[in-house]
Amino acid sequence: MKNGFVDHYLVLRVDPDCRQEQIRVSFRKRLLEIHPDKTEHPKDPEEMRALLLAFEILSDTERRDNYDNMWKIVAGKNSDLSSIPHVTESGRPAARVRSVLFLLLEQRNEEALERLSELEPGSRILLRNHLATSEFVDACFLLGEIDEDRKNWSGALEWYEELIRVEQPRNVKRPCFTEAMERARKLLLKRTTGRLDPRIGLEYLRRAEILGLDRAGHAEVAKKRASCYLEMEMKVEAAKHFKEYLKLQPRAKGVDRLKSALQGYLEDE
C-alpha cells in the first residue's frame, strides 16, 4: 500500500476476499508466532499492536466493509472516491473521518479541509478516535503541511505537536516524526518574533526546548528569553539568560540594544 496506509490483510497474511473463519485462524497462528506461550513479552510490541488492530477491524463485518472500500481506493482498484457514497456521504462520524484521511492521501486538500470543517467542533478528537494511530499520525502531518503552506502557523503547530504527543511514546516512530519535530521547533521559534505577549513567547520557547535543540538553538532561545524578560521589566532574569546566550555565542553581533538595556546587570556575581 502507499502513503502510509496500513494493509491489514497483509498483516494477517490473508487474501482480501477471504472468509471470516480464515481471518480468525490466521490471527491465532500469527499470534503464536509473535507472542509464543512460553514468553512473557511479544517479540515486537509494535507488530503485536498492528496484528491486534488488523484483527479488530477485519473481524467486525461493518468495519471490514468500510475498510475494504478504502483499501480499494489506496490499492488503485477504484480511483473515484465519490463513487463510494457510504464512505463520503454517510452521516456517521467514523465514515466521514475516514473520508478525510483518503482525501488527504489523494492530495485533494480543499475537499479534505471542507470535510474536516464539517466535523467541527471536536474534529481532532474524532480523527484520533476513529483512525488507527499510524493513520492519525500521518493525517496530522498532512494537515500540518497544508496549514504551513497557507501560512497558518498556529494551526500547523497544533497538528505537529499533536503528532509528537501521540508518537513520542511509541518504540517505532513513523517516518514523518523527525520532520514534524524539526518543523515544530522552527515554528515555535518563529512565533516568538514580532509583537507577542512576552509570557506567551516564554511558553513557546519552553516548548521548543522540550523538543530538543542544538547549540545554536539553545543560544537563540536564551537570547529570546532575555528579550521577553526585559520586556516584562525583569532585568535580573533577563541578564541571566543574556549571559547564557553570550557564553554560547561569544562573538555575537547585533545585540547592542540588549547590552545597553541590561547595563549594570551583566557583571559576574
C-alpha atoms as a PDB file:
ATOM      1  CA  MET A   1       0.000   0.000   0.000  1.00  0.00           C
ATOM      2  CA  LYS A   2       1.013   3.656  -0.368  1.00  0.00           C
ATOM      3  CA  ASN A   3       1.151   6.857   1.698  1.00  0.00           C
ATOM      4  CA  GLY A   4       1.439   5.006   4.997  1.00  0.00           C
ATOM      5  CA  PHE A   5      -1.895   3.194   4.627  1.00  0.00           C
ATOM      6  CA  VAL A   6      -1.870   0.004   6.714  1.00  0.00           C
ATOM      7  CA  ASP A   7      -2.767  -3.148   4.777  1.00  0.00           C
ATOM      8  CA  HIS A   8      -4.469  -5.237   7.459  1.00  0.00           C
ATOM      9  CA  TYR A   9      -4.797  -8.169   5.079  1.00  0.00           C
ATOM     10  CA  LEU A  10      -1.036  -8.199   4.643  1.00  0.00           C
ATOM     11  CA  VAL A  11      -0.562  -8.053   8.412  1.00  0.00           C
ATOM     12  CA  LEU A  12      -2.804 -11.103   8.877  1.00  0.00           C
ATOM     13  CA  ARG A  13      -1.400 -12.782   5.745  1.00  0.00           C
ATOM     14  CA  VAL A  14      -4.791 -13.471   4.209  1.00  0.00           C
ATOM     15  CA  ASP A  15      -6.386 -12.605   0.873  1.00  0.00           C
ATOM     16  CA  PRO A  16      -8.786  -9.610   0.741  1.00  0.00           C
ATOM     17  CA  ASP A  17     -11.634 -11.916  -0.339  1.00  0.00           C
ATOM     18  CA  CYS A  18     -11.079 -14.443   2.451  1.00  0.00           C
ATOM     19  CA  ARG A  19     -13.860 -15.590   4.779  1.00  0.00           C
ATOM     20  CA  GLN A  20     -14.196 -14.577   8.414  1.00  0.00           C
ATOM     21  CA  GLU A  21     -13.084 -18.019   9.590  1.00  0.00           C
ATOM     22  CA  GLN A  22      -9.823 -17.646   7.684  1.00  0.00           C
ATOM     23  CA  ILE A  23      -9.220 -14.348   9.429  1.00  0.00           C
ATOM     24  CA  ARG A  24      -9.686 -15.966  12.849  1.00  0.00           C
ATOM     25  CA  VAL A  25      -7.443 -18.919  12.000  1.00  0.00           C
ATOM     26  CA  SER A  26      -4.681 -16.718  10.615  1.00  0.00           C
ATOM     27  CA  PHE A  27      -4.932 -14.382  13.602  1.00  0.00           C
ATOM     28  CA  ARG A  28      -4.394 -17.239  16.054  1.00  0.00           C
ATOM     29  CA  LYS A  29      -1.460 -18.534  14.009  1.00  0.00           C
ATOM     30  CA  ARG A  30       0.204 -15.123  13.770  1.00  0.00           C
ATOM     31  CA  LEU A  31      -0.440 -14.515  17.461  1.00  0.00           C
ATOM     32  CA  LEU A  32       1.592 -17.602  18.369  1.00  0.00           C
ATOM     33  CA  GLU A  33       4.392 -16.509  16.077  1.00  0.00           C
ATOM     34  CA  ILE A  34       4.642 -13.052  17.619  1.00  0.00           C
ATOM     35  CA  HIS A  35       3.763 -13.949  21.195  1.00  0.00           C
ATOM     36  CA  PRO A  36       4.594 -17.629  21.940  1.00  0.00           C
ATOM     37  CA  ASP A  37       3.038 -19.064  25.091  1.00  0.00           C
ATOM     38  CA  LYS A  38       6.462 -19.620  26.646  1.00  0.00           C
ATOM     39  CA  THR A  39       7.479 -15.964  26.516  1.00  0.00           C
ATOM     40  CA  GLU A  40       6.326 -13.186  28.805  1.00  0.00           C
ATOM     41  CA  HIS A  41       6.520 -10.448  26.197  1.00  0.00           C
ATOM     42  CA  PRO A  42       5.864 -10.334  22.439  1.00  0.00           C
ATOM     43  CA  LYS A  43       8.900 -10.355  20.142  1.00  0.00           C
ATOM     44  CA  ASP A  44       7.883  -6.965  18.738  1.00  0.00           C
ATOM     45  CA  PRO A  45       5.277  -4.877  20.609  1.00  0.00           C
ATOM     46  CA  GLU A  46       4.558  -2.781  17.507  1.00  0.00           C
ATOM     47  CA  GLU A  47       3.980  -5.897  15.416  1.00  0.00           C
ATOM     48  CA  MET A  48       1.627  -7.168  18.104  1.00  0.00           C
ATOM     49  CA  ARG A  49      -0.255  -3.863  18.101  1.00  0.00           C
ATOM     50  CA  ALA A  50      -0.597  -3.990  14.306  1.00  0.00           C
ATOM     51  CA  LEU A  51      -1.855  -7.574  14.467  1.00  0.00           C
ATOM     52  CA  LEU A  52      -4.480  -6.799  17.120  1.00  0.00           C
ATOM     53  CA  LEU A  53      -5.672  -3.748  15.188  1.00  0.00           C
ATOM     54  CA  ALA A  54      -5.932  -5.731  11.953  1.00  0.00           C
ATOM     55  CA  PHE A  55      -7.991  -8.429  13.640  1.00  0.00           C
ATOM     56  CA  GLU A  56     -10.184  -5.894  15.436  1.00  0.00           C
ATOM     57  CA  ILE A  57     -11.118  -4.247  12.130  1.00  0.00           C
ATOM     58  CA  LEU A  58     -11.361  -7.252   9.830  1.00  0.00           C
ATOM     59  CA  SER A  59     -13.295  -9.413  12.290  1.00  0.00           C
ATOM     60  CA  ASP A  60     -16.052  -6.793  12.515  1.00  0.00           C
ATOM     61  CA  THR A  61     -18.315  -7.010   9.470  1.00  0.00           C
ATOM     62  CA  GLU A  62     -19.251  -3.332   9.303  1.00  0.00           C
ATOM     63  CA  ARG A  63     -15.739  -2.064   9.937  1.00  0.00           C
ATOM     64  CA  ARG A  64     -14.354  -4.516   7.392  1.00  0.00           C
ATOM     65  CA  ASP A  65     -16.824  -3.282   4.761  1.00  0.00           C
ATOM     66  CA  ASN A  66     -15.705   0.310   5.327  1.00  0.00           C
ATOM     67  CA  TYR A  67     -12.056  -0.717   5.300  1.00  0.00           C
ATOM     68  CA  ASP A  68     -12.491  -2.732   2.080  1.00  0.00           C
ATOM     69  CA  ASN A  69     -13.798   0.314   0.246  1.00  0.00           C
ATOM     70  CA  MET A  70     -10.836   2.363   1.375  1.00  0.00           C
ATOM     71  CA  TRP A  71      -8.433  -0.490   0.625  1.00  0.00           C
ATOM     72  CA  LYS A  72      -9.684  -0.481  -2.980  1.00  0.00           C
ATOM     73  CA  ILE A  73      -9.003   3.241  -3.299  1.00  0.00           C
ATOM     74  CA  VAL A  74      -5.450   3.079  -1.995  1.00  0.00           C
ATOM     75  CA  ALA A  75      -4.721  -0.098  -3.939  1.00  0.00           C
ATOM     76  CA  GLY A  76      -5.858   1.646  -7.110  1.00  0.00           C
ATOM     77  CA  LYS A  77      -8.935  -0.524  -7.549  1.00  0.00           C
ATOM     78  CA  ASN A  78     -11.226   2.491  -7.520  1.00  0.00           C
ATOM     79  CA  SER A  79      -9.885   5.925  -8.380  1.00  0.00           C
ATOM     80  CA  ASP A  80     -13.175   7.783  -7.897  1.00  0.00           C
ATOM     81  CA  LEU A  81     -13.730   8.467  -4.226  1.00  0.00           C
ATOM     82  CA  SER A  82     -17.139   9.987  -4.885  1.00  0.00           C
ATOM     83  CA  SER A  83     -18.361   6.634  -6.231  1.00  0.00           C
ATOM     84  CA  ILE A  84     -18.385   5.256  -2.674  1.00  0.00           C
ATOM     85  CA  PRO A  85     -21.357   7.082  -1.151  1.00  0.00           C
ATOM     86  CA  HIS A  86     -21.358   5.289   2.193  1.00  0.00           C
ATOM     87  CA  VAL A  87     -17.773   6.450   2.802  1.00  0.00           C
ATOM     88  CA  THR A  88     -18.094  10.042   1.608  1.00  0.00           C
ATOM     89  CA  GLU A  89     -21.763  10.811   2.153  1.00  0.00           C
ATOM     90  CA  SER A  90     -22.596   8.781   5.245  1.00  0.00           C
ATOM     91  CA  GLY A  91     -23.534  10.861   8.265  1.00  0.00           C
ATOM     92  CA  ARG A  92     -21.709   8.507  10.636  1.00  0.00           C
ATOM     93  CA  PRO A  93     -18.648  10.204  12.186  1.00  0.00           C
ATOM     94  CA  ALA A  94     -16.377   7.202  11.603  1.00  0.00           C
ATOM     95  CA  ALA A  95     -17.159   7.109   7.878  1.00  0.00           C
ATOM     96  CA  ARG A  96     -16.700  10.841   7.446  1.00  0.00           C
ATOM     97  CA  VAL A  97     -13.436  10.795   9.386  1.00  0.00           C
ATOM     98  CA  ARG A  98     -12.080   8.106   7.097  1.00  0.00           C
ATOM     99  CA  SER A  99     -13.126  10.079   4.056  1.00  0.00           C
ATOM    100  CA  VAL A 100     -10.957  12.962   5.339  1.00  0.00           C
ATOM    101  CA  LEU A 101      -7.980  10.619   5.502  1.00  0.00           C
ATOM    102  CA  PHE A 102      -8.424   9.385   1.959  1.00  0.00           C
ATOM    103  CA  LEU A 103      -8.969  12.848   0.546  1.00  0.00           C
ATOM    104  CA  LEU A 104      -5.650  13.793   2.178  1.00  0.00           C
ATOM    105  CA  LEU A 105      -3.924  10.720   0.752  1.00  0.00           C
ATOM    106  CA  GLU A 106      -5.262  11.592  -2.681  1.00  0.00           C
ATOM    107  CA  GLN A 107      -3.944  15.177  -2.211  1.00  0.00           C
ATOM    108  CA  ARG A 108      -7.455  16.582  -2.573  1.00  0.00           C
ATOM    109  CA  ASN A 109      -6.684  19.146   0.091  1.00  0.00           C
ATOM    110  CA  GLU A 110      -9.569  21.546  -0.405  1.00  0.00           C
ATOM    111  CA  GLU A 111     -12.106  18.723  -0.173  1.00  0.00           C
ATOM    112  CA  ALA A 112     -10.318  17.281   2.855  1.00  0.00           C
ATOM    113  CA  LEU A 113     -10.418  20.625   4.676  1.00  0.00           C
ATOM    114  CA  GLU A 114     -14.065  21.126   3.798  1.00  0.00           C
ATOM    115  CA  ARG A 115     -14.924  17.670   5.130  1.00  0.00           C
ATOM    116  CA  LEU A 116     -12.821  18.331   8.226  1.00  0.00           C
ATOM    117  CA  SER A 117     -14.704  21.572   8.914  1.00  0.00           C
ATOM    118  CA  GLU A 118     -17.959  19.618   8.806  1.00  0.00           C
ATOM    119  CA  LEU A 119     -16.710  17.570  11.760  1.00  0.00           C
ATOM    120  CA  GLU A 120     -16.329  20.619  13.999  1.00  0.00           C
ATOM    121  CA  PRO A 121     -16.423  21.005  16.901  1.00  0.00           C
ATOM    122  CA  GLY A 122     -14.037  18.324  18.042  1.00  0.00           C
ATOM    123  CA  SER A 123     -12.677  17.257  14.644  1.00  0.00           C
ATOM    124  CA  ARG A 124      -9.266  16.380  16.080  1.00  0.00           C
ATOM    125  CA  ILE A 125     -10.794  14.159  18.738  1.00  0.00           C
ATOM    126  CA  LEU A 126     -12.901  12.418  16.114  1.00  0.00           C
ATOM    127  CA  LEU A 127      -9.824  11.795  13.971  1.00  0.00           C
ATOM    128  CA  ARG A 128      -7.983  10.381  16.984  1.00  0.00           C
ATOM    129  CA  ASN A 129     -10.875   8.130  17.968  1.00  0.00           C
ATOM    130  CA  HIS A 130     -11.699   6.734  14.534  1.00  0.00           C
ATOM    131  CA  LEU A 131      -8.284   6.310  12.920  1.00  0.00           C
ATOM    132  CA  ALA A 132      -5.532   3.833  13.717  1.00  0.00           C
ATOM    133  CA  THR A 133      -2.585   5.501  15.467  1.00  0.00           C
ATOM    134  CA  SER A 134      -0.359   5.390  12.382  1.00  0.00           C
ATOM    135  CA  GLU A 135      -3.172   6.796  10.236  1.00  0.00           C
ATOM    136  CA  PHE A 136      -3.845   9.589  12.725  1.00  0.00           C
ATOM    137  CA  VAL A 137      -0.151  10.500  12.816  1.00  0.00           C
ATOM    138  CA  ASP A 138       0.014  10.674   9.021  1.00  0.00           C
ATOM    139  CA  ALA A 139      -3.172  12.758   8.900  1.00  0.00           C
ATOM    140  CA  CYS A 140      -1.717  15.209  11.453  1.00  0.00           C
ATOM    141  CA  PHE A 141       1.419  15.621   9.362  1.00  0.00           C
ATOM    142  CA  LEU A 142      -0.500  16.183   6.136  1.00  0.00           C
ATOM    143  CA  LEU A 143      -2.816  18.712   7.780  1.00  0.00           C
ATOM    144  CA  GLY A 144       0.170  20.465   9.334  1.00  0.00           C
ATOM    145  CA  GLU A 145       1.776  20.732   5.902  1.00  0.00           C
ATOM    146  CA  ILE A 146      -1.397  22.227   4.453  1.00  0.00           C
ATOM    147  CA  ASP A 147      -1.633  24.841   7.223  1.00  0.00           C
ATOM    148  CA  GLU A 148       2.063  25.659   6.876  1.00  0.00           C
ATOM    149  CA  ASP A 149       1.706  26.175   3.118  1.00  0.00           C
ATOM    150  CA  ARG A 150      -1.171  28.554   3.870  1.00  0.00           C
ATOM    151  CA  LYS A 151       0.962  30.400   6.438  1.00  0.00           C
ATOM    152  CA  ASN A 152      -1.429  29.368   9.182  1.00  0.00           C
ATOM    153  CA  TRP A 153       1.480  28.936  11.600  1.00  0.00           C
ATOM    154  CA  SER A 154      -0.590  28.329  14.743  1.00  0.00           C
ATOM    155  CA  GLY A 155      -2.726  25.703  13.006  1.00  0.00           C
ATOM    156  CA  ALA A 156       0.321  23.909  11.614  1.00  0.00           C
ATOM    157  CA  LEU A 157       1.977  23.952  15.027  1.00  0.00           C
ATOM    158  CA  GLU A 158      -1.083  22.410  16.669  1.00  0.00           C
ATOM    159  CA  TRP A 159      -1.107  19.499  14.195  1.00  0.00           C
ATOM    160  CA  TYR A 160       2.638  18.866  14.511  1.00  0.00           C
ATOM    161  CA  GLU A 161       2.553  18.978  18.308  1.00  0.00           C
ATOM    162  CA  GLU A 162      -0.435  16.632  18.370  1.00  0.00           C
ATOM    163  CA  LEU A 163       1.533  14.231  16.163  1.00  0.00           C
ATOM    164  CA  ILE A 164       4.504  14.434  18.530  1.00  0.00           C
ATOM    165  CA  ARG A 165       2.372  13.816  21.628  1.00  0.00           C
ATOM    166  CA  VAL A 166       0.911  10.672  20.101  1.00  0.00           C
ATOM    167  CA  GLU A 167       4.094   9.350  18.509  1.00  0.00           C
ATOM    168  CA  GLN A 168       6.650  10.197  21.223  1.00  0.00           C
ATOM    169  CA  PRO A 169       5.904   7.183  23.488  1.00  0.00           C
ATOM    170  CA  ARG A 170       5.982   4.641  20.661  1.00  0.00           C
ATOM    171  CA  ASN A 171       9.093   2.496  20.208  1.00  0.00           C
ATOM    172  CA  VAL A 172       8.967   2.546  16.414  1.00  0.00           C
ATOM    173  CA  LYS A 173       8.293   6.021  15.041  1.00  0.00           C
ATOM    174  CA  ARG A 174       6.506   6.909  11.808  1.00  0.00           C
ATOM    175  CA  PRO A 175       8.797   8.290   9.051  1.00  0.00           C
ATOM    176  CA  CYS A 176       7.247  11.751   9.404  1.00  0.00           C
ATOM    177  CA  PHE A 177       8.042  12.029  13.140  1.00  0.00           C
ATOM    178  CA  THR A 178      11.544  13.502  12.811  1.00  0.00           C
ATOM    179  CA  GLU A 179      10.453  16.075  10.250  1.00  0.00           C
ATOM    180  CA  ALA A 180       7.433  17.039  12.364  1.00  0.00           C
ATOM    181  CA  MET A 181       9.773  17.636  15.331  1.00  0.00           C
ATOM    182  CA  GLU A 182      12.003  19.905  13.239  1.00  0.00           C
ATOM    183  CA  ARG A 183       9.074  21.823  11.777  1.00  0.00           C
ATOM    184  CA  ALA A 184       7.508  22.299  15.210  1.00  0.00           C
ATOM    185  CA  ARG A 185      10.788  23.632  16.628  1.00  0.00           C
ATOM    186  CA  LYS A 186      11.120  26.158  13.799  1.00  0.00           C
ATOM    187  CA  LEU A 187       7.516  27.278  14.152  1.00  0.00           C
ATOM    188  CA  LEU A 188       7.823  27.704  17.919  1.00  0.00           C
ATOM    189  CA  LEU A 189      10.906  29.880  17.490  1.00  0.00           C
ATOM    190  CA  LYS A 190       9.294  31.804  14.637  1.00  0.00           C
ATOM    191  CA  ARG A 191       6.238  32.520  16.772  1.00  0.00           C
ATOM    192  CA  THR A 192       8.387  34.408  19.291  1.00  0.00           C
ATOM    193  CA  THR A 193       9.353  37.075  16.752  1.00  0.00           C
ATOM    194  CA  GLY A 194       7.347  40.235  16.206  1.00  0.00           C
ATOM    195  CA  ARG A 195       4.793  41.681  18.585  1.00  0.00           C
ATOM    196  CA  LEU A 196       3.771  38.996  21.030  1.00  0.00           C
ATOM    197  CA  ASP A 197       2.907  38.911  24.702  1.00  0.00           C
ATOM    198  CA  PRO A 198       6.252  38.002  26.347  1.00  0.00           C
ATOM    199  CA  ARG A 199       4.570  35.422  28.592  1.00  0.00           C
ATOM    200  CA  ILE A 200       3.275  33.607  25.532  1.00  0.00           C
ATOM    201  CA  GLY A 201       6.715  33.927  23.979  1.00  0.00           C
ATOM    202  CA  LEU A 202       8.296  32.268  27.014  1.00  0.00           C
ATOM    203  CA  GLU A 203       5.825  29.395  26.735  1.00  0.00           C
ATOM    204  CA  TYR A 204       6.728  28.867  23.068  1.00  0.00           C
ATOM    205  CA  LEU A 205      10.420  28.867  23.974  1.00  0.00           C
ATOM    206  CA  ARG A 206       9.829  26.310  26.723  1.00  0.00           C
ATOM    207  CA  ARG A 207       8.043  24.033  24.268  1.00  0.00           C
ATOM    208  CA  ALA A 208      10.815  24.418  21.688  1.00  0.00           C
ATOM    209  CA  GLU A 209      13.399  23.435  24.305  1.00  0.00           C
ATOM    210  CA  ILE A 210      11.433  20.315  25.235  1.00  0.00           C
ATOM    211  CA  LEU A 211      11.651  19.175  21.610  1.00  0.00           C
ATOM    212  CA  GLY A 212      15.445  19.334  21.752  1.00  0.00           C
ATOM    213  CA  LEU A 213      17.843  21.973  20.443  1.00  0.00           C
ATOM    214  CA  ASP A 214      21.396  22.127  19.155  1.00  0.00           C
ATOM    215  CA  ARG A 215      23.904  24.701  20.436  1.00  0.00           C
ATOM    216  CA  ALA A 216      22.655  27.381  18.031  1.00  0.00           C
ATOM    217  CA  GLY A 217      19.076  26.641  19.027  1.00  0.00           C
ATOM    218  CA  HIS A 218      19.859  26.934  22.745  1.00  0.00           C
ATOM    219  CA  ALA A 219      21.591  30.248  22.054  1.00  0.00           C
ATOM    220  CA  GLU A 220      18.582  31.559  20.160  1.00  0.00           C
ATOM    221  CA  VAL A 221      16.255  30.517  22.973  1.00  0.00           C
ATOM    222  CA  ALA A 222      18.472  32.192  25.591  1.00  0.00           C
ATOM    223  CA  LYS A 223      18.526  35.441  23.597  1.00  0.00           C
ATOM    224  CA  LYS A 224      14.771  35.425  23.063  1.00  0.00           C
ATOM    225  CA  ARG A 225      14.172  34.698  26.745  1.00  0.00           C
ATOM    226  CA  ALA A 226      16.324  37.671  27.654  1.00  0.00           C
ATOM    227  CA  SER A 227      14.208  39.853  25.376  1.00  0.00           C
ATOM    228  CA  CYS A 228      10.962  38.529  26.859  1.00  0.00           C
ATOM    229  CA  TYR A 229      12.058  39.127  30.452  1.00  0.00           C
ATOM    230  CA  LEU A 230      13.383  42.570  29.554  1.00  0.00           C
ATOM    231  CA  GLU A 231      10.007  43.469  28.086  1.00  0.00           C
ATOM    232  CA  MET A 232       8.456  42.329  31.380  1.00  0.00           C
ATOM    233  CA  GLU A 233      10.967  44.607  33.192  1.00  0.00           C
ATOM    234  CA  MET A 234      12.561  41.626  34.920  1.00  0.00           C
ATOM    235  CA  LYS A 235      16.141  42.711  34.275  1.00  0.00           C
ATOM    236  CA  VAL A 236      17.849  40.299  36.655  1.00  0.00           C
ATOM    237  CA  GLU A 237      16.224  37.334  34.930  1.00  0.00           C
ATOM    238  CA  ALA A 238      16.840  38.878  31.514  1.00  0.00           C
ATOM    239  CA  ALA A 239      20.533  39.335  32.305  1.00  0.00           C
ATOM    240  CA  LYS A 240      20.852  35.710  33.420  1.00  0.00           C
ATOM    241  CA  HIS A 241      19.620  34.435  30.073  1.00  0.00           C
ATOM    242  CA  PHE A 242      21.565  37.011  28.091  1.00  0.00           C
ATOM    243  CA  LYS A 243      24.801  35.912  29.799  1.00  0.00           C
ATOM    244  CA  GLU A 244      23.936  32.347  28.883  1.00  0.00           C
ATOM    245  CA  TYR A 245      23.492  33.487  25.285  1.00  0.00           C
ATOM    246  CA  LEU A 246      26.889  35.210  25.285  1.00  0.00           C
ATOM    247  CA  LYS A 247      28.569  32.043  26.577  1.00  0.00           C
ATOM    248  CA  LEU A 248      27.050  30.091  23.694  1.00  0.00           C
ATOM    249  CA  GLN A 249      27.712  32.849  21.138  1.00  0.00           C
ATOM    250  CA  PRO A 250      30.767  34.811  22.416  1.00  0.00           C
ATOM    251  CA  ARG A 251      31.182  36.614  19.093  1.00  0.00           C
ATOM    252  CA  ALA A 252      27.546  37.575  18.811  1.00  0.00           C
ATOM    253  CA  LYS A 253      26.656  40.676  16.834  1.00  0.00           C
ATOM    254  CA  GLY A 254      23.540  42.809  16.696  1.00  0.00           C
ATOM    255  CA  VAL A 255      22.846  42.659  20.425  1.00  0.00           C
ATOM    256  CA  ASP A 256      23.789  46.233  21.354  1.00  0.00           C
ATOM    257  CA  ARG A 257      20.200  47.061  22.330  1.00  0.00           C
ATOM    258  CA  LEU A 258      20.100  44.233  24.854  1.00  0.00           C
ATOM    259  CA  LYS A 259      23.542  45.088  26.239  1.00  0.00           C
ATOM    260  CA  SER A 260      22.584  48.718  26.668  1.00  0.00           C
ATOM    261  CA  ALA A 261      19.242  47.869  28.318  1.00  0.00           C
ATOM    262  CA  LEU A 262      20.930  45.453  30.730  1.00  0.00           C
ATOM    263  CA  GLN A 263      23.892  47.675  31.578  1.00  0.00           C
ATOM    264  CA  GLY A 264      24.785  47.150  35.234  1.00  0.00           C
ATOM    265  CA  TYR A 265      23.188  43.696  35.348  1.00  0.00           C
ATOM    266  CA  LEU A 266      25.738  41.763  33.321  1.00  0.00           C
ATOM    267  CA  GLU A 267      28.685  41.860  35.699  1.00  0.00           C
ATOM    268  CA  ASP A 268      29.735  38.500  37.120  1.00  0.00           C
ATOM    269  CA  GLU A 269      28.487  37.881  40.602  1.00  0.00           C
END
